[in-house]
Amino acid sequence: MKVLSLVNLTKKQREKIESISNIDLQVVSPKQVTPEDLDGVEVLYDWSNTLKDAVIKSDTLNWIQVVRAGVDALPLPELDNKGVILTNGSGANAINIAEQTLAYMLMFVRRMNLTARHQDAKEWKHDSGYNEVYNKTVMIVGVGHIGTLIAKYAKALGMKTVGVRHREKPNEYIDEMVAMPDIADKIGEADFVINALPDTEATLGIFNNDLFGAMSKKAYYINIGRGKTTNMDDLVEVLKDGRIAGAALDVTTPEPLPSSSPLWDMKNVIITPHDAGMSVHYEERAFDIFKRNLKSYVENGEVVENVVNYSLGY
């Protein structure tokens, strides 16, 4: 079985892959890969747009495992039509994204978003409204790997957790699960609203003036999902009008956020450059997902972890 990795595997990782029976492993840099490298390949580890046409034409490729959680850059309809199995790296960045989400909440309640500005100005200054996350309610919109871990951490800090997902499937760290169509009815009870949604047709601009309008004026909006899920113009307006307390944005649309955006100068806004998913441990965790899936694929003819549902887009 020929496996093509676009990830620069360590010697130890190569040995782990090659220890699985009947594996012919080839490792090529995504910057150097050519369509010819895909000849005879059954399993592709990670993605490069250079291979798009070759992937669509391939009569041997059966499974693609991407490193990242998002798969919106791939030609999903074509892969679905070909019957190619697609798995992602969902969960590999859950720890670091959950930690960064906690950091946003703690910065807001402890007024550290303002303290950082005071430090830049060399000001020793106290602000009003120092608070705590204890006993606060956090609504997590999109309860997957990341949302579940955020909820776990929030519970440890004494917070109430409300989850929003398409299916009202119970989760041990969610106190109350809400179906997506009912989000507007419950969002007003949240002190923090965390957007952990993927980029799909169904989520495009879902956070808009109407949904922001249903939030409490004391609530903070945190987006660690995808930028296109938020109507940026509506967000700017509700922040200017004081209709929500503030926002933390790791993702925006467009990216990078233009220097002309008024969000940069808002004291109640934290902007990070889409770095919540970054960690020195990420590739190691993503590789472990691939290794487990590859072992199952070789031994049982199927993968069982992080299989993408083409109709949902994640």
C-alpha atoms as a PDB file:
ATOM      1  CA  MET A   1       0.000   0.000   0.000  1.00  0.00           C
ATOM      2  CA  LYS A   2       1.527   3.289  -1.104  1.00  0.00           C
ATOM      3  CA  VAL A   3       1.253   6.180   1.354  1.00  0.00           C
ATOM      4  CA  LEU A   4       2.290   9.736   0.467  1.00  0.00           C
ATOM      5  CA  SER A   5       2.995  12.105   3.354  1.00  0.00           C
ATOM      6  CA  LEU A   6       3.232  15.837   2.765  1.00  0.00           C
ATOM      7  CA  VAL A   7       4.234  16.221   6.421  1.00  0.00           C
ATOM      8  CA  ASN A   8       7.961  16.120   7.156  1.00  0.00           C
ATOM      9  CA  LEU A   9       7.896  13.139   9.503  1.00  0.00           C
ATOM     10  CA  THR A  10      10.577  12.542  12.100  1.00  0.00           C
ATOM     11  CA  LYS A  11      12.667   9.386  11.955  1.00  0.00           C
ATOM     12  CA  LYS A  12      10.646   7.919  14.825  1.00  0.00           C
ATOM     13  CA  GLN A  13       7.344   8.738  13.106  1.00  0.00           C
ATOM     14  CA  ARG A  14       8.527   7.146   9.858  1.00  0.00           C
ATOM     15  CA  GLU A  15       9.475   4.003  11.757  1.00  0.00           C
ATOM     16  CA  LYS A  16       6.023   3.861  13.360  1.00  0.00           C
ATOM     17  CA  ILE A  17       4.340   4.099   9.951  1.00  0.00           C
ATOM     18  CA  GLU A  18       6.678   1.633   8.286  1.00  0.00           C
ATOM     19  CA  SER A  19       6.161  -0.846  11.136  1.00  0.00           C
ATOM     20  CA  ILE A  20       2.570  -1.270   9.924  1.00  0.00           C
ATOM     21  CA  SER A  21       2.413  -4.181   7.471  1.00  0.00           C
ATOM     22  CA  ASN A  22       2.644  -3.598   3.712  1.00  0.00           C
ATOM     23  CA  ILE A  23       3.278   0.144   3.875  1.00  0.00           C
ATOM     24  CA  ASP A  24       5.317   1.814   1.151  1.00  0.00           C
ATOM     25  CA  LEU A  25       5.893   5.293   2.605  1.00  0.00           C
ATOM     26  CA  GLN A  26       6.972   8.295   0.565  1.00  0.00           C
ATOM     27  CA  VAL A  27       7.554  11.707   2.194  1.00  0.00           C
ATOM     28  CA  VAL A  28       7.602  14.807  -0.006  1.00  0.00           C
ATOM     29  CA  SER A  29       7.544  18.471   0.985  1.00  0.00           C
ATOM     30  CA  PRO A  30       4.292  20.232  -0.040  1.00  0.00           C
ATOM     31  CA  LYS A  31       6.471  22.872  -1.725  1.00  0.00           C
ATOM     32  CA  GLN A  32       8.170  20.238  -3.875  1.00  0.00           C
ATOM     33  CA  VAL A  33       5.348  17.770  -4.475  1.00  0.00           C
ATOM     34  CA  THR A  34       4.244  17.184  -8.063  1.00  0.00           C
ATOM     35  CA  PRO A  35       1.200  15.411  -9.522  1.00  0.00           C
ATOM     36  CA  GLU A  36       3.496  12.519 -10.502  1.00  0.00           C
ATOM     37  CA  ASP A  37       4.167  11.857  -6.797  1.00  0.00           C
ATOM     38  CA  LEU A  38       0.534  10.784  -6.484  1.00  0.00           C
ATOM     39  CA  ASP A  39       0.919   7.920  -8.952  1.00  0.00           C
ATOM     40  CA  GLY A  40      -0.285   4.696  -7.346  1.00  0.00           C
ATOM     41  CA  VAL A  41      -0.912   6.371  -3.980  1.00  0.00           C
ATOM     42  CA  GLU A  42      -3.800   4.946  -1.946  1.00  0.00           C
ATOM     43  CA  VAL A  43      -3.403   7.086   1.183  1.00  0.00           C
ATOM     44  CA  LEU A  44      -2.513  10.804   1.253  1.00  0.00           C
ATOM     45  CA  TYR A  45      -1.424  12.441   4.509  1.00  0.00           C
ATOM     46  CA  ASP A  46      -2.263  16.142   4.383  1.00  0.00           C
ATOM     47  CA  TRP A  47      -3.219  18.343   1.463  1.00  0.00           C
ATOM     48  CA  SER A  48      -1.678  20.557  -1.207  1.00  0.00           C
ATOM     49  CA  ASN A  49      -3.616  22.425  -3.879  1.00  0.00           C
ATOM     50  CA  THR A  50      -0.831  21.423  -6.273  1.00  0.00           C
ATOM     51  CA  LEU A  51      -2.328  17.938  -6.242  1.00  0.00           C
ATOM     52  CA  LYS A  52      -5.961  18.963  -6.697  1.00  0.00           C
ATOM     53  CA  ASP A  53      -6.337  17.912 -10.343  1.00  0.00           C
ATOM     54  CA  ALA A  54      -4.269  14.762  -9.833  1.00  0.00           C
ATOM     55  CA  VAL A  55      -6.380  13.785  -6.824  1.00  0.00           C
ATOM     56  CA  ILE A  56      -9.604  14.192  -8.797  1.00  0.00           C
ATOM     57  CA  LYS A  57      -8.190  12.095 -11.663  1.00  0.00           C
ATOM     58  CA  SER A  58      -6.576   9.422  -9.494  1.00  0.00           C
ATOM     59  CA  ASP A  59      -7.953   5.892  -9.754  1.00  0.00           C
ATOM     60  CA  THR A  60      -5.983   4.612  -6.730  1.00  0.00           C
ATOM     61  CA  LEU A  61      -6.460   7.233  -4.028  1.00  0.00           C
ATOM     62  CA  ASN A  62      -8.959   6.059  -1.438  1.00  0.00           C
ATOM     63  CA  TRP A  63      -8.307   8.088   1.706  1.00  0.00           C
ATOM     64  CA  ILE A  64      -7.017  11.555   2.611  1.00  0.00           C
ATOM     65  CA  GLN A  65      -6.059  12.517   6.161  1.00  0.00           C
ATOM     66  CA  VAL A  66      -5.497  16.253   6.629  1.00  0.00           C
ATOM     67  CA  VAL A  67      -3.559  17.685   9.537  1.00  0.00           C
ATOM     68  CA  ARG A  68      -5.897  20.581  10.327  1.00  0.00           C
ATOM     69  CA  ALA A  69      -9.490  20.402  11.494  1.00  0.00           C
ATOM     70  CA  GLY A  70     -10.848  22.622   8.718  1.00  0.00           C
ATOM     71  CA  VAL A  71     -11.440  20.997   5.326  1.00  0.00           C
ATOM     72  CA  ASP A  72     -13.123  23.899   3.517  1.00  0.00           C
ATOM     73  CA  ALA A  73     -10.041  24.390   1.279  1.00  0.00           C
ATOM     74  CA  LEU A  74     -10.473  20.938  -0.258  1.00  0.00           C
ATOM     75  CA  PRO A  75     -12.692  20.142  -3.288  1.00  0.00           C
ATOM     76  CA  LEU A  76     -15.313  18.430  -1.145  1.00  0.00           C
ATOM     77  CA  PRO A  77     -18.005  17.765  -3.811  1.00  0.00           C
ATOM     78  CA  GLU A  78     -15.460  16.133  -6.125  1.00  0.00           C
ATOM     79  CA  LEU A  79     -13.984  13.999  -3.348  1.00  0.00           C
ATOM     80  CA  ASP A  80     -17.457  12.968  -2.250  1.00  0.00           C
ATOM     81  CA  ASN A  81     -18.387  11.975  -5.800  1.00  0.00           C
ATOM     82  CA  LYS A  82     -15.227   9.872  -6.070  1.00  0.00           C
ATOM     83  CA  GLY A  83     -15.993   8.146  -2.781  1.00  0.00           C
ATOM     84  CA  VAL A  84     -12.694   9.231  -1.233  1.00  0.00           C
ATOM     85  CA  ILE A  85     -12.646   8.899   2.550  1.00  0.00           C
ATOM     86  CA  LEU A  86     -11.684  12.159   4.242  1.00  0.00           C
ATOM     87  CA  THR A  87     -10.489  12.493   7.833  1.00  0.00           C
ATOM     88  CA  ASN A  88      -9.198  15.562   9.630  1.00  0.00           C
ATOM     89  CA  GLY A  89      -7.036  16.548  12.599  1.00  0.00           C
ATOM     90  CA  SER A  90      -9.941  17.631  14.783  1.00  0.00           C
ATOM     91  CA  GLY A  91      -8.962  17.442  18.430  1.00  0.00           C
ATOM     92  CA  ALA A  92      -5.222  17.820  17.877  1.00  0.00           C
ATOM     93  CA  ASN A  93      -5.469  21.509  18.742  1.00  0.00           C
ATOM     94  CA  ALA A  94      -8.239  21.244  21.333  1.00  0.00           C
ATOM     95  CA  ILE A  95      -5.973  21.782  24.338  1.00  0.00           C
ATOM     96  CA  ASN A  96      -4.293  24.946  23.095  1.00  0.00           C
ATOM     97  CA  ILE A  97      -7.491  26.483  21.703  1.00  0.00           C
ATOM     98  CA  ALA A  98      -9.357  25.744  24.927  1.00  0.00           C
ATOM     99  CA  GLU A  99      -6.548  27.313  26.961  1.00  0.00           C
ATOM    100  CA  GLN A 100      -6.548  30.436  24.782  1.00  0.00           C
ATOM    101  CA  THR A 101     -10.328  30.697  25.099  1.00  0.00           C
ATOM    102  CA  LEU A 102     -10.000  30.621  28.867  1.00  0.00           C
ATOM    103  CA  ALA A 103      -7.351  33.338  28.582  1.00  0.00           C
ATOM    104  CA  TYR A 104      -9.792  35.603  26.738  1.00  0.00           C
ATOM    105  CA  MET A 105     -12.468  35.156  29.402  1.00  0.00           C
ATOM    106  CA  LEU A 106     -10.025  35.715  32.260  1.00  0.00           C
ATOM    107  CA  MET A 107      -8.570  38.799  30.580  1.00  0.00           C
ATOM    108  CA  PHE A 108     -12.002  40.355  30.268  1.00  0.00           C
ATOM    109  CA  VAL A 109     -13.141  39.714  33.840  1.00  0.00           C
ATOM    110  CA  ARG A 110      -9.787  40.773  35.304  1.00  0.00           C
ATOM    111  CA  ARG A 111      -9.660  43.800  32.951  1.00  0.00           C
ATOM    112  CA  MET A 112      -6.293  42.677  31.587  1.00  0.00           C
ATOM    113  CA  ASN A 113      -7.311  43.720  28.083  1.00  0.00           C
ATOM    114  CA  LEU A 114      -7.144  47.260  29.473  1.00  0.00           C
ATOM    115  CA  THR A 115      -4.085  46.622  31.651  1.00  0.00           C
ATOM    116  CA  ALA A 116      -2.065  45.659  28.584  1.00  0.00           C
ATOM    117  CA  ARG A 117      -2.890  49.008  27.000  1.00  0.00           C
ATOM    118  CA  HIS A 118      -1.942  50.816  30.220  1.00  0.00           C
ATOM    119  CA  GLN A 119       1.402  49.029  30.222  1.00  0.00           C
ATOM    120  CA  ASP A 120       2.098  50.152  26.662  1.00  0.00           C
ATOM    121  CA  ALA A 121       1.369  53.712  27.803  1.00  0.00           C
ATOM    122  CA  LYS A 122       3.489  53.220  30.978  1.00  0.00           C
ATOM    123  CA  GLU A 123       0.459  53.956  33.158  1.00  0.00           C
ATOM    124  CA  TRP A 124      -0.108  52.551  36.664  1.00  0.00           C
ATOM    125  CA  LYS A 125      -3.880  52.568  36.542  1.00  0.00           C
ATOM    126  CA  HIS A 126      -6.823  50.678  37.995  1.00  0.00           C
ATOM    127  CA  ASP A 127     -10.035  50.107  36.065  1.00  0.00           C
ATOM    128  CA  SER A 128     -13.565  49.559  37.308  1.00  0.00           C
ATOM    129  CA  GLY A 129     -15.540  46.341  37.066  1.00  0.00           C
ATOM    130  CA  TYR A 130     -13.031  43.714  38.176  1.00  0.00           C
ATOM    131  CA  ASN A 131     -14.977  40.472  38.163  1.00  0.00           C
ATOM    132  CA  GLU A 132     -14.662  36.661  38.150  1.00  0.00           C
ATOM    133  CA  VAL A 133     -15.613  33.812  35.854  1.00  0.00           C
ATOM    134  CA  TYR A 134     -16.910  31.859  38.852  1.00  0.00           C
ATOM    135  CA  ASN A 135     -20.689  31.323  38.596  1.00  0.00           C
ATOM    136  CA  LYS A 136     -20.781  32.884  35.144  1.00  0.00           C
ATOM    137  CA  THR A 137     -22.569  31.182  32.241  1.00  0.00           C
ATOM    138  CA  VAL A 138     -20.690  30.300  29.089  1.00  0.00           C
ATOM    139  CA  MET A 139     -22.516  29.284  25.911  1.00  0.00           C
ATOM    140  CA  ILE A 140     -20.423  27.183  23.547  1.00  0.00           C
ATOM    141  CA  VAL A 141     -21.778  27.170  20.008  1.00  0.00           C
ATOM    142  CA  GLY A 142     -20.378  24.065  18.360  1.00  0.00           C
ATOM    143  CA  VAL A 143     -19.658  21.306  20.864  1.00  0.00           C
ATOM    144  CA  GLY A 144     -17.020  19.197  19.145  1.00  0.00           C
ATOM    145  CA  HIS A 145     -13.573  18.275  20.447  1.00  0.00           C
ATOM    146  CA  ILE A 146     -12.667  21.888  21.169  1.00  0.00           C
ATOM    147  CA  GLY A 147     -16.036  22.883  22.597  1.00  0.00           C
ATOM    148  CA  THR A 148     -16.063  19.867  24.888  1.00  0.00           C
ATOM    149  CA  LEU A 149     -12.651  20.714  26.325  1.00  0.00           C
ATOM    150  CA  ILE A 150     -13.602  24.365  26.792  1.00  0.00           C
ATOM    151  CA  ALA A 151     -16.641  23.175  28.723  1.00  0.00           C
ATOM    152  CA  LYS A 152     -14.493  20.869  30.854  1.00  0.00           C
ATOM    153  CA  TYR A 153     -12.125  23.702  31.775  1.00  0.00           C
ATOM    154  CA  ALA A 154     -15.019  26.087  32.398  1.00  0.00           C
ATOM    155  CA  LYS A 155     -16.678  23.615  34.753  1.00  0.00           C
ATOM    156  CA  ALA A 156     -13.421  23.330  36.690  1.00  0.00           C
ATOM    157  CA  LEU A 157     -13.579  27.102  37.235  1.00  0.00           C
ATOM    158  CA  GLY A 158     -17.130  26.908  38.592  1.00  0.00           C
ATOM    159  CA  MET A 159     -18.940  28.101  35.484  1.00  0.00           C
ATOM    160  CA  LYS A 160     -22.302  26.979  34.125  1.00  0.00           C
ATOM    161  CA  THR A 161     -22.057  25.554  30.615  1.00  0.00           C
ATOM    162  CA  VAL A 162     -24.650  25.721  27.852  1.00  0.00           C
ATOM    163  CA  GLY A 163     -23.912  23.897  24.620  1.00  0.00           C
ATOM    164  CA  VAL A 164     -25.376  24.481  21.169  1.00  0.00           C
ATOM    165  CA  ARG A 165     -25.225  21.840  18.462  1.00  0.00           C
ATOM    166  CA  HIS A 166     -27.361  20.446  15.661  1.00  0.00           C
ATOM    167  CA  ARG A 167     -28.187  17.378  17.702  1.00  0.00           C
ATOM    168  CA  GLU A 168     -29.119  17.673  21.369  1.00  0.00           C
ATOM    169  CA  LYS A 169     -26.769  14.806  22.226  1.00  0.00           C
ATOM    170  CA  PRO A 170     -25.774  14.906  25.920  1.00  0.00           C
ATOM    171  CA  ASN A 171     -22.234  15.848  26.931  1.00  0.00           C
ATOM    172  CA  GLU A 172     -20.821  15.234  30.398  1.00  0.00           C
ATOM    173  CA  TYR A 173     -19.393  18.755  30.638  1.00  0.00           C
ATOM    174  CA  ILE A 174     -22.462  20.571  29.338  1.00  0.00           C
ATOM    175  CA  ASP A 175     -25.127  21.482  31.899  1.00  0.00           C
ATOM    176  CA  GLU A 176     -27.732  22.261  29.258  1.00  0.00           C
ATOM    177  CA  MET A 177     -27.690  21.342  25.574  1.00  0.00           C
ATOM    178  CA  VAL A 178     -29.643  23.473  23.113  1.00  0.00           C
ATOM    179  CA  ALA A 179     -30.498  22.725  19.487  1.00  0.00           C
ATOM    180  CA  MET A 180     -29.124  25.194  16.952  1.00  0.00           C
ATOM    181  CA  PRO A 181     -32.564  26.536  15.912  1.00  0.00           C
ATOM    182  CA  ASP A 182     -33.218  27.510  19.565  1.00  0.00           C
ATOM    183  CA  ILE A 183     -30.000  29.461  20.129  1.00  0.00           C
ATOM    184  CA  ALA A 184     -31.672  32.895  20.135  1.00  0.00           C
ATOM    185  CA  ASP A 185     -33.973  31.821  22.965  1.00  0.00           C
ATOM    186  CA  LYS A 186     -31.059  31.017  25.316  1.00  0.00           C
ATOM    187  CA  ILE A 187     -28.204  33.267  24.216  1.00  0.00           C
ATOM    188  CA  GLY A 188     -29.406  36.137  26.406  1.00  0.00           C
ATOM    189  CA  GLU A 189     -28.564  34.117  29.534  1.00  0.00           C
ATOM    190  CA  ALA A 190     -24.873  33.798  28.666  1.00  0.00           C
ATOM    191  CA  ASP A 191     -22.055  35.935  30.053  1.00  0.00           C
ATOM    192  CA  PHE A 192     -19.718  34.571  27.384  1.00  0.00           C
ATOM    193  CA  VAL A 193     -20.712  33.315  23.936  1.00  0.00           C
ATOM    194  CA  ILE A 194     -18.035  31.198  22.305  1.00  0.00           C
ATOM    195  CA  ASN A 195     -18.236  30.546  18.583  1.00  0.00           C
ATOM    196  CA  ALA A 196     -16.510  27.251  17.767  1.00  0.00           C
ATOM    197  CA  LEU A 197     -18.331  26.645  14.484  1.00  0.00           C
ATOM    198  CA  PRO A 198     -16.769  25.358  11.258  1.00  0.00           C
ATOM    199  CA  ASP A 199     -17.042  27.180   7.949  1.00  0.00           C
ATOM    200  CA  THR A 200     -20.008  25.704   6.069  1.00  0.00           C
ATOM    201  CA  GLU A 201     -22.921  27.019   4.031  1.00  0.00           C
ATOM    202  CA  ALA A 202     -25.149  26.608   7.080  1.00  0.00           C
ATOM    203  CA  THR A 203     -22.896  28.672   9.368  1.00  0.00           C
ATOM    204  CA  LEU A 204     -22.100  31.539   6.970  1.00  0.00           C
ATOM    205  CA  GLY A 205     -22.825  34.825   8.779  1.00  0.00           C
ATOM    206  CA  ILE A 206     -24.848  33.063  11.469  1.00  0.00           C
ATOM    207  CA  PHE A 207     -23.654  35.569  14.057  1.00  0.00           C
ATOM    208  CA  ASN A 208     -25.348  38.701  12.809  1.00  0.00           C
ATOM    209  CA  ASN A 209     -27.234  41.714  14.100  1.00  0.00           C
ATOM    210  CA  ASP A 210     -30.235  39.624  15.150  1.00  0.00           C
ATOM    211  CA  LEU A 211     -28.217  37.131  17.184  1.00  0.00           C
ATOM    212  CA  PHE A 212     -25.984  39.799  18.715  1.00  0.00           C
ATOM    213  CA  GLY A 213     -29.142  41.695  19.568  1.00  0.00           C
ATOM    214  CA  ALA A 214     -30.419  38.734  21.565  1.00  0.00           C
ATOM    215  CA  MET A 215     -27.266  38.680  23.704  1.00  0.00           C
ATOM    216  CA  SER A 216     -26.973  40.370  27.072  1.00  0.00           C
ATOM    217  CA  LYS A 217     -25.337  43.811  27.058  1.00  0.00           C
ATOM    218  CA  LYS A 218     -22.949  42.405  29.682  1.00  0.00           C
ATOM    219  CA  ALA A 219     -21.907  39.462  27.502  1.00  0.00           C
ATOM    220  CA  TYR A 220     -18.655  38.937  25.611  1.00  0.00           C
ATOM    221  CA  TYR A 221     -18.427  37.330  22.179  1.00  0.00           C
ATOM    222  CA  ILE A 222     -15.446  35.050  21.492  1.00  0.00           C
ATOM    223  CA  ASN A 223     -14.768  33.619  18.033  1.00  0.00           C
ATOM    224  CA  ILE A 224     -12.250  30.774  17.803  1.00  0.00           C
ATOM    225  CA  GLY A 225     -14.151  29.039  14.984  1.00  0.00           C
ATOM    226  CA  ARG A 226     -14.118  30.572  11.515  1.00  0.00           C
ATOM    227  CA  GLY A 227     -14.263  34.228  10.467  1.00  0.00           C
ATOM    228  CA  LYS A 228     -16.991  33.769   7.867  1.00  0.00           C
ATOM    229  CA  THR A 229     -19.444  32.666  10.554  1.00  0.00           C
ATOM    230  CA  THR A 230     -19.600  36.280  11.757  1.00  0.00           C
ATOM    231  CA  ASN A 231     -21.057  39.297   9.999  1.00  0.00           C
ATOM    232  CA  MET A 232     -18.160  41.652  10.749  1.00  0.00           C
ATOM    233  CA  ASP A 233     -20.070  44.851   9.951  1.00  0.00           C
ATOM    234  CA  ASP A 234     -22.841  43.864  12.356  1.00  0.00           C
ATOM    235  CA  LEU A 235     -20.275  43.046  15.040  1.00  0.00           C
ATOM    236  CA  VAL A 236     -18.630  46.443  14.691  1.00  0.00           C
ATOM    237  CA  GLU A 237     -21.985  48.177  15.023  1.00  0.00           C
ATOM    238  CA  VAL A 238     -23.106  46.330  18.158  1.00  0.00           C
ATOM    239  CA  LEU A 239     -19.733  47.008  19.777  1.00  0.00           C
ATOM    240  CA  LYS A 240     -19.890  50.703  18.881  1.00  0.00           C
ATOM    241  CA  ASP A 241     -23.435  50.929  20.262  1.00  0.00           C
ATOM    242  CA  GLY A 242     -22.526  49.098  23.482  1.00  0.00           C
ATOM    243  CA  ARG A 243     -25.047  46.347  22.808  1.00  0.00           C
ATOM    244  CA  ILE A 244     -22.522  43.728  23.980  1.00  0.00           C
ATOM    245  CA  ALA A 245     -19.668  44.141  26.435  1.00  0.00           C
ATOM    246  CA  GLY A 246     -16.804  43.199  24.121  1.00  0.00           C
ATOM    247  CA  ALA A 247     -15.307  40.631  21.784  1.00  0.00           C
ATOM    248  CA  ALA A 248     -12.235  38.424  21.424  1.00  0.00           C
ATOM    249  CA  LEU A 249     -11.479  37.479  17.840  1.00  0.00           C
ATOM    250  CA  ASP A 250      -8.910  34.917  16.801  1.00  0.00           C
ATOM    251  CA  VAL A 251     -10.498  34.716  13.360  1.00  0.00           C
ATOM    252  CA  THR A 252     -11.884  37.460  11.152  1.00  0.00           C
ATOM    253  CA  THR A 253     -12.968  38.019   7.588  1.00  0.00           C
ATOM    254  CA  PRO A 254     -10.942  38.981   5.761  1.00  0.00           C
ATOM    255  CA  GLU A 255      -7.662  37.790   7.202  1.00  0.00           C
ATOM    256  CA  PRO A 256      -5.415  39.516   8.019  1.00  0.00           C
ATOM    257  CA  LEU A 257      -7.795  42.050   9.528  1.00  0.00           C
ATOM    258  CA  PRO A 258      -7.248  45.328   7.598  1.00  0.00           C
ATOM    259  CA  SER A 259      -5.473  48.079   9.532  1.00  0.00           C
ATOM    260  CA  SER A 260      -8.430  50.323   8.689  1.00  0.00           C
ATOM    261  CA  SER A 261     -10.822  48.201  10.758  1.00  0.00           C
ATOM    262  CA  PRO A 262     -12.237  50.107  13.739  1.00  0.00           C
ATOM    263  CA  LEU A 263     -11.914  46.919  15.800  1.00  0.00           C
ATOM    264  CA  TRP A 264      -8.184  47.564  16.325  1.00  0.00           C
ATOM    265  CA  ASP A 265      -8.866  50.689  18.381  1.00  0.00           C
ATOM    266  CA  MET A 266     -11.700  49.346  20.502  1.00  0.00           C
ATOM    267  CA  LYS A 267     -10.576  48.885  24.108  1.00  0.00           C
ATOM    268  CA  ASN A 268     -13.136  46.133  24.681  1.00  0.00           C
ATOM    269  CA  VAL A 269     -11.825  44.020  21.788  1.00  0.00           C
ATOM    270  CA  ILE A 270      -8.985  41.487  21.883  1.00  0.00           C
ATOM    271  CA  ILE A 271      -7.555  40.526  18.490  1.00  0.00           C
ATOM    272  CA  THR A 272      -5.181  37.616  17.970  1.00  0.00           C
ATOM    273  CA  PRO A 273      -3.792  36.645  14.530  1.00  0.00           C
ATOM    274  CA  HIS A 274      -5.498  33.256  14.098  1.00  0.00           C
ATOM    275  CA  ASP A 275      -2.958  31.675  16.435  1.00  0.00           C
ATOM    276  CA  ALA A 276      -5.201  29.810  18.898  1.00  0.00           C
ATOM    277  CA  GLY A 277      -4.623  26.615  16.952  1.00  0.00           C
ATOM    278  CA  MET A 278      -0.842  26.912  17.117  1.00  0.00           C
ATOM    279  CA  SER A 279       1.146  24.749  19.521  1.00  0.00           C
ATOM    280  CA  VAL A 280       4.514  23.032  19.557  1.00  0.00           C
ATOM    281  CA  HIS A 281       2.574  19.833  20.305  1.00  0.00           C
ATOM    282  CA  TYR A 282       0.087  20.088  17.423  1.00  0.00           C
ATOM    283  CA  GLU A 283       1.837  18.045  14.741  1.00  0.00           C
ATOM    284  CA  GLU A 284       2.617  15.303  17.248  1.00  0.00           C
ATOM    285  CA  ARG A 285      -1.053  14.973  18.212  1.00  0.00           C
ATOM    286  CA  ALA A 286      -2.187  15.149  14.584  1.00  0.00           C
ATOM    287  CA  PHE A 287       0.268  12.396  13.673  1.00  0.00           C
ATOM    288  CA  ASP A 288      -1.117  10.169  16.432  1.00  0.00           C
ATOM    289  CA  ILE A 289      -4.594  10.491  14.892  1.00  0.00           C
ATOM    290  CA  PHE A 290      -3.209   9.538  11.475  1.00  0.00           C
ATOM    291  CA  LYS A 291      -1.243   6.599  12.894  1.00  0.00           C
ATOM    292  CA  ARG A 292      -4.297   5.171  14.669  1.00  0.00           C
ATOM    293  CA  ASN A 293      -6.421   5.595  11.555  1.00  0.00           C
ATOM    294  CA  LEU A 294      -3.780   4.049   9.302  1.00  0.00           C
ATOM    295  CA  LYS A 295      -3.447   1.022  11.567  1.00  0.00           C
ATOM    296  CA  SER A 296      -7.222   0.540  11.491  1.00  0.00           C
ATOM    297  CA  TYR A 297      -7.318   1.075   7.726  1.00  0.00           C
ATOM    298  CA  VAL A 298      -4.680  -1.588   7.094  1.00  0.00           C
ATOM    299  CA  GLU A 299      -6.044  -4.103   9.598  1.00  0.00           C
ATOM    300  CA  ASN A 300      -9.789  -3.564   9.214  1.00  0.00           C
ATOM    301  CA  GLY A 301     -10.209  -1.762   5.904  1.00  0.00           C
ATOM    302  CA  GLU A 302     -11.738   1.320   7.496  1.00  0.00           C
ATOM    303  CA  VAL A 303     -10.874   4.456   9.445  1.00  0.00           C
ATOM    304  CA  VAL A 304     -12.843   5.256  12.574  1.00  0.00           C
ATOM    305  CA  GLU A 305     -11.544   8.588  13.857  1.00  0.00           C
ATOM    306  CA  ASN A 306     -12.483  12.087  12.614  1.00  0.00           C
ATOM    307  CA  VAL A 307     -14.296  10.965   9.468  1.00  0.00           C
ATOM    308  CA  VAL A 308     -15.637  14.039   7.665  1.00  0.00           C
ATOM    309  CA  ASN A 309     -19.324  14.091   6.787  1.00  0.00           C
ATOM    310  CA  TYR A 310     -19.394  15.598   3.293  1.00  0.00           C
ATOM    311  CA  SER A 311     -22.999  16.734   3.605  1.00  0.00           C
ATOM    312  CA  LEU A 312     -22.146  18.744   6.733  1.00  0.00           C
ATOM    313  CA  GLY A 313     -18.700  19.881   5.625  1.00  0.00           C
ATOM    314  CA  TYR A 314     -16.926  18.753   8.801  1.00  0.00           C
END
